[in-house]
């Protein structure tokens, strides 16, 4: 596995989120509506958050508040919709 750095953490988190639902970037590359066609459960979103926030804190040496803000921005930009 490639070391997670400041320059690749966005790609890593995107891939991690897709892996949670059994997809890869290759599955969404030709789908302009991937954000509408793919969904996660609330439990999956929470699991993703529990993974991503500590990783953001470690990678960027962020305090928890800044990591949460960054996670929320990531979800707004690249997050999958929650079912229902």
N, C-alpha and C. Protein backbone atom coordinates (compact mmCIF):
# COMPACT_ATOMS: atom_id res chain seq x y z
N UNK A 1 0.84 -1.19 0.00
CA UNK A 1 0.00 0.00 0.00
C UNK A 1 0.88 1.25 0.00
N UNK A 2 0.48 2.19 -0.78
CA UNK A 2 1.22 3.46 -0.90
C UNK A 2 1.08 4.26 0.40
N UNK A 3 2.19 4.90 0.80
CA UNK A 3 2.16 5.73 2.00
C UNK A 3 1.21 6.91 1.77
N UNK A 4 0.39 7.20 2.78
CA UNK A 4 -0.57 8.30 2.68
C UNK A 4 0.14 9.59 3.05
N UNK A 5 0.08 10.55 2.14
CA UNK A 5 0.73 11.84 2.32
C UNK A 5 -0.27 12.96 2.10
N UNK A 6 0.18 14.17 2.34
CA UNK A 6 -0.68 15.33 2.09
C UNK A 6 -1.12 15.41 0.63
N UNK A 7 -0.26 14.96 -0.26
CA UNK A 7 -0.59 15.10 -1.69
C UNK A 7 -1.51 14.00 -2.21
N UNK A 8 -1.61 12.86 -1.51
CA UNK A 8 -2.47 11.79 -2.03
C UNK A 8 -3.62 11.41 -1.11
N UNK A 9 -3.79 12.13 -0.01
CA UNK A 9 -4.84 11.75 0.95
C UNK A 9 -6.25 11.90 0.36
N UNK A 10 -6.47 12.89 -0.48
CA UNK A 10 -7.78 13.06 -1.10
C UNK A 10 -8.16 11.86 -1.95
N UNK A 11 -7.23 11.42 -2.77
CA UNK A 11 -7.46 10.24 -3.61
C UNK A 11 -7.66 9.01 -2.74
N UNK A 12 -6.85 8.88 -1.70
CA UNK A 12 -6.98 7.74 -0.81
C UNK A 12 -8.37 7.70 -0.16
N UNK A 13 -8.83 8.83 0.35
CA UNK A 13 -10.14 8.87 0.99
C UNK A 13 -11.27 8.59 0.00
N UNK A 14 -11.14 9.11 -1.21
CA UNK A 14 -12.14 8.85 -2.25
C UNK A 14 -12.20 7.36 -2.55
N UNK A 15 -11.02 6.75 -2.73
CA UNK A 15 -10.96 5.31 -3.02
C UNK A 15 -11.51 4.49 -1.85
N UNK A 16 -11.18 4.89 -0.64
CA UNK A 16 -11.65 4.18 0.56
C UNK A 16 -13.17 4.20 0.62
N UNK A 17 -13.74 5.35 0.35
CA UNK A 17 -15.20 5.50 0.36
C UNK A 17 -15.85 4.59 -0.69
N UNK A 18 -15.27 4.55 -1.88
CA UNK A 18 -15.81 3.68 -2.93
C UNK A 18 -15.66 2.21 -2.57
N UNK A 19 -14.51 1.85 -1.98
CA UNK A 19 -14.29 0.45 -1.59
C UNK A 19 -15.34 -0.03 -0.60
N UNK A 20 -15.84 0.88 0.23
CA UNK A 20 -16.85 0.52 1.23
C UNK A 20 -18.12 -0.02 0.57
N UNK A 21 -18.38 0.38 -0.66
CA UNK A 21 -19.58 -0.09 -1.37
C UNK A 21 -19.21 -1.00 -2.54
N UNK A 22 -17.96 -1.47 -2.56
CA UNK A 22 -17.55 -2.43 -3.57
C UNK A 22 -17.30 -1.84 -4.94
N UNK A 23 -16.93 -0.57 -4.98
CA UNK A 23 -16.65 0.11 -6.25
C UNK A 23 -15.21 0.62 -6.28
N UNK A 24 -14.75 0.98 -7.48
CA UNK A 24 -13.43 1.60 -7.67
C UNK A 24 -13.60 2.84 -8.53
N UNK A 25 -12.54 3.61 -8.65
CA UNK A 25 -12.60 4.79 -9.52
C UNK A 25 -12.90 4.39 -10.96
N UNK A 26 -12.46 3.23 -11.39
CA UNK A 26 -12.76 2.77 -12.75
C UNK A 26 -14.26 2.60 -12.96
N UNK A 27 -14.97 2.25 -11.89
CA UNK A 27 -16.42 2.08 -11.99
C UNK A 27 -17.15 3.40 -12.17
N UNK A 28 -16.56 4.51 -11.74
CA UNK A 28 -17.26 5.79 -11.79
C UNK A 28 -16.69 6.76 -12.83
N UNK A 29 -15.58 6.40 -13.44
CA UNK A 29 -14.90 7.34 -14.35
C UNK A 29 -15.79 7.77 -15.51
N UNK A 30 -16.63 6.90 -16.00
CA UNK A 30 -17.50 7.24 -17.14
C UNK A 30 -18.92 7.61 -16.72
N UNK A 31 -19.15 7.72 -15.42
CA UNK A 31 -20.49 8.02 -14.91
C UNK A 31 -20.52 9.46 -14.38
N UNK A 32 -21.04 10.38 -15.19
CA UNK A 32 -21.11 11.78 -14.78
C UNK A 32 -22.02 11.99 -13.57
N UNK A 33 -22.89 11.04 -13.30
CA UNK A 33 -23.85 11.17 -12.20
C UNK A 33 -23.51 10.24 -11.04
N UNK A 34 -22.23 9.90 -10.88
CA UNK A 34 -21.83 8.95 -9.85
C UNK A 34 -22.28 9.38 -8.46
N UNK A 35 -22.28 10.69 -8.19
CA UNK A 35 -22.68 11.14 -6.84
C UNK A 35 -24.16 10.90 -6.58
N UNK A 36 -24.96 10.77 -7.63
CA UNK A 36 -26.39 10.52 -7.49
C UNK A 36 -26.70 9.03 -7.58
N UNK A 37 -25.87 8.30 -8.31
CA UNK A 37 -26.12 6.88 -8.54
C UNK A 37 -25.60 5.98 -7.43
N UNK A 38 -24.62 6.44 -6.68
CA UNK A 38 -24.02 5.63 -5.62
C UNK A 38 -24.42 6.19 -4.26
N UNK A 39 -24.72 5.30 -3.33
CA UNK A 39 -25.11 5.74 -2.00
C UNK A 39 -24.41 4.90 -0.93
N UNK A 40 -24.39 5.43 0.28
CA UNK A 40 -23.90 4.71 1.45
C UNK A 40 -24.99 4.74 2.52
N UNK A 41 -24.86 3.86 3.49
CA UNK A 41 -25.79 3.89 4.62
C UNK A 41 -25.24 4.88 5.65
N UNK A 42 -26.07 5.25 6.60
CA UNK A 42 -25.61 6.12 7.69
C UNK A 42 -24.47 5.45 8.46
N UNK A 43 -24.57 4.15 8.64
CA UNK A 43 -23.52 3.41 9.34
C UNK A 43 -22.20 3.46 8.57
N UNK A 44 -22.27 3.31 7.24
CA UNK A 44 -21.06 3.39 6.43
C UNK A 44 -20.45 4.79 6.50
N UNK A 45 -21.29 5.83 6.48
CA UNK A 45 -20.78 7.20 6.58
C UNK A 45 -20.06 7.40 7.92
N UNK A 46 -20.65 6.88 8.99
CA UNK A 46 -20.05 7.00 10.32
C UNK A 46 -18.73 6.23 10.38
N UNK A 47 -18.70 5.05 9.79
CA UNK A 47 -17.47 4.26 9.74
C UNK A 47 -16.39 5.02 8.97
N UNK A 48 -16.78 5.63 7.85
CA UNK A 48 -15.84 6.42 7.04
C UNK A 48 -15.30 7.59 7.85
N UNK A 49 -16.18 8.25 8.58
CA UNK A 49 -15.78 9.39 9.41
C UNK A 49 -14.78 8.95 10.48
N UNK A 50 -15.05 7.80 11.12
CA UNK A 50 -14.16 7.29 12.16
C UNK A 50 -12.79 6.94 11.61
N UNK A 51 -12.73 6.60 10.33
CA UNK A 51 -11.46 6.32 9.67
C UNK A 51 -10.77 7.62 9.24
N UNK A 52 -11.53 8.50 8.61
CA UNK A 52 -10.95 9.67 7.95
C UNK A 52 -10.46 10.75 8.92
N UNK A 53 -11.21 11.04 9.96
CA UNK A 53 -10.84 12.15 10.86
C UNK A 53 -9.50 11.91 11.53
N UNK A 54 -9.25 10.73 12.14
CA UNK A 54 -7.92 10.52 12.72
C UNK A 54 -6.80 10.54 11.67
N UNK A 55 -7.12 10.05 10.47
CA UNK A 55 -6.11 10.08 9.40
C UNK A 55 -5.78 11.52 9.00
N UNK A 56 -6.78 12.37 8.91
CA UNK A 56 -6.54 13.79 8.62
C UNK A 56 -5.73 14.45 9.75
N UNK A 57 -6.06 14.10 10.99
CA UNK A 57 -5.33 14.66 12.12
C UNK A 57 -3.86 14.26 12.06
N UNK A 58 -3.60 13.01 11.75
CA UNK A 58 -2.22 12.51 11.68
C UNK A 58 -1.47 13.10 10.49
N UNK A 59 -2.08 13.07 9.32
CA UNK A 59 -1.41 13.49 8.09
C UNK A 59 -1.08 14.98 8.09
N UNK A 60 -2.03 15.79 8.54
CA UNK A 60 -1.84 17.24 8.51
C UNK A 60 -1.48 17.84 9.87
N UNK A 61 -1.44 16.97 10.90
CA UNK A 61 -1.22 17.44 12.27
C UNK A 61 -2.27 18.48 12.66
N UNK A 62 -3.51 18.16 12.27
CA UNK A 62 -4.65 19.02 12.57
C UNK A 62 -5.17 18.73 13.97
N UNK A 63 -5.71 19.74 14.65
CA UNK A 63 -6.53 19.45 15.82
C UNK A 63 -7.84 18.81 15.34
N UNK A 64 -8.57 18.17 16.24
CA UNK A 64 -9.77 17.44 15.85
C UNK A 64 -10.79 18.33 15.15
N UNK A 65 -11.00 19.54 15.63
CA UNK A 65 -11.98 20.46 15.02
C UNK A 65 -11.65 20.72 13.55
N UNK A 66 -10.39 20.99 13.27
CA UNK A 66 -9.95 21.25 11.89
C UNK A 66 -10.12 20.00 11.03
N UNK A 67 -9.82 18.83 11.59
CA UNK A 67 -9.99 17.58 10.86
C UNK A 67 -11.47 17.33 10.55
N UNK A 68 -12.34 17.61 11.51
CA UNK A 68 -13.79 17.46 11.28
C UNK A 68 -14.28 18.43 10.21
N UNK A 69 -13.81 19.67 10.26
CA UNK A 69 -14.18 20.65 9.23
C UNK A 69 -13.72 20.20 7.85
N UNK A 70 -12.51 19.66 7.79
CA UNK A 70 -11.96 19.19 6.52
C UNK A 70 -12.75 17.98 6.02
N UNK A 71 -13.10 17.07 6.92
CA UNK A 71 -13.91 15.91 6.55
C UNK A 71 -15.26 16.37 6.00
N UNK A 72 -15.90 17.32 6.68
CA UNK A 72 -17.19 17.81 6.21
C UNK A 72 -17.09 18.47 4.84
N UNK A 73 -16.01 19.19 4.60
CA UNK A 73 -15.79 19.77 3.27
C UNK A 73 -15.63 18.66 2.24
N UNK A 74 -14.84 17.64 2.57
CA UNK A 74 -14.62 16.51 1.66
C UNK A 74 -15.96 15.86 1.31
N UNK A 75 -16.80 15.64 2.31
CA UNK A 75 -18.11 15.02 2.07
C UNK A 75 -18.96 15.89 1.16
N UNK A 76 -18.94 17.20 1.36
CA UNK A 76 -19.72 18.11 0.50
C UNK A 76 -19.24 18.04 -0.96
N UNK A 77 -17.93 17.91 -1.13
CA UNK A 77 -17.36 17.92 -2.48
C UNK A 77 -17.37 16.55 -3.15
N UNK A 78 -17.05 15.49 -2.40
CA UNK A 78 -16.82 14.17 -2.99
C UNK A 78 -17.57 13.04 -2.32
N UNK A 79 -18.40 13.36 -1.34
CA UNK A 79 -19.07 12.32 -0.58
C UNK A 79 -20.24 11.70 -1.32
N UNK A 80 -20.46 10.44 -1.03
CA UNK A 80 -21.62 9.75 -1.59
C UNK A 80 -22.85 10.09 -0.76
N UNK A 81 -24.00 10.10 -1.40
CA UNK A 81 -25.26 10.39 -0.73
C UNK A 81 -25.59 9.27 0.26
N UNK A 82 -26.32 9.62 1.30
CA UNK A 82 -26.80 8.62 2.25
C UNK A 82 -28.14 8.11 1.74
N UNK A 83 -28.32 6.79 1.77
CA UNK A 83 -29.59 6.18 1.32
C UNK A 83 -30.75 6.73 2.12
N UNK A 84 -31.84 6.98 1.40
CA UNK A 84 -33.07 7.38 2.07
C UNK A 84 -33.05 8.77 2.42
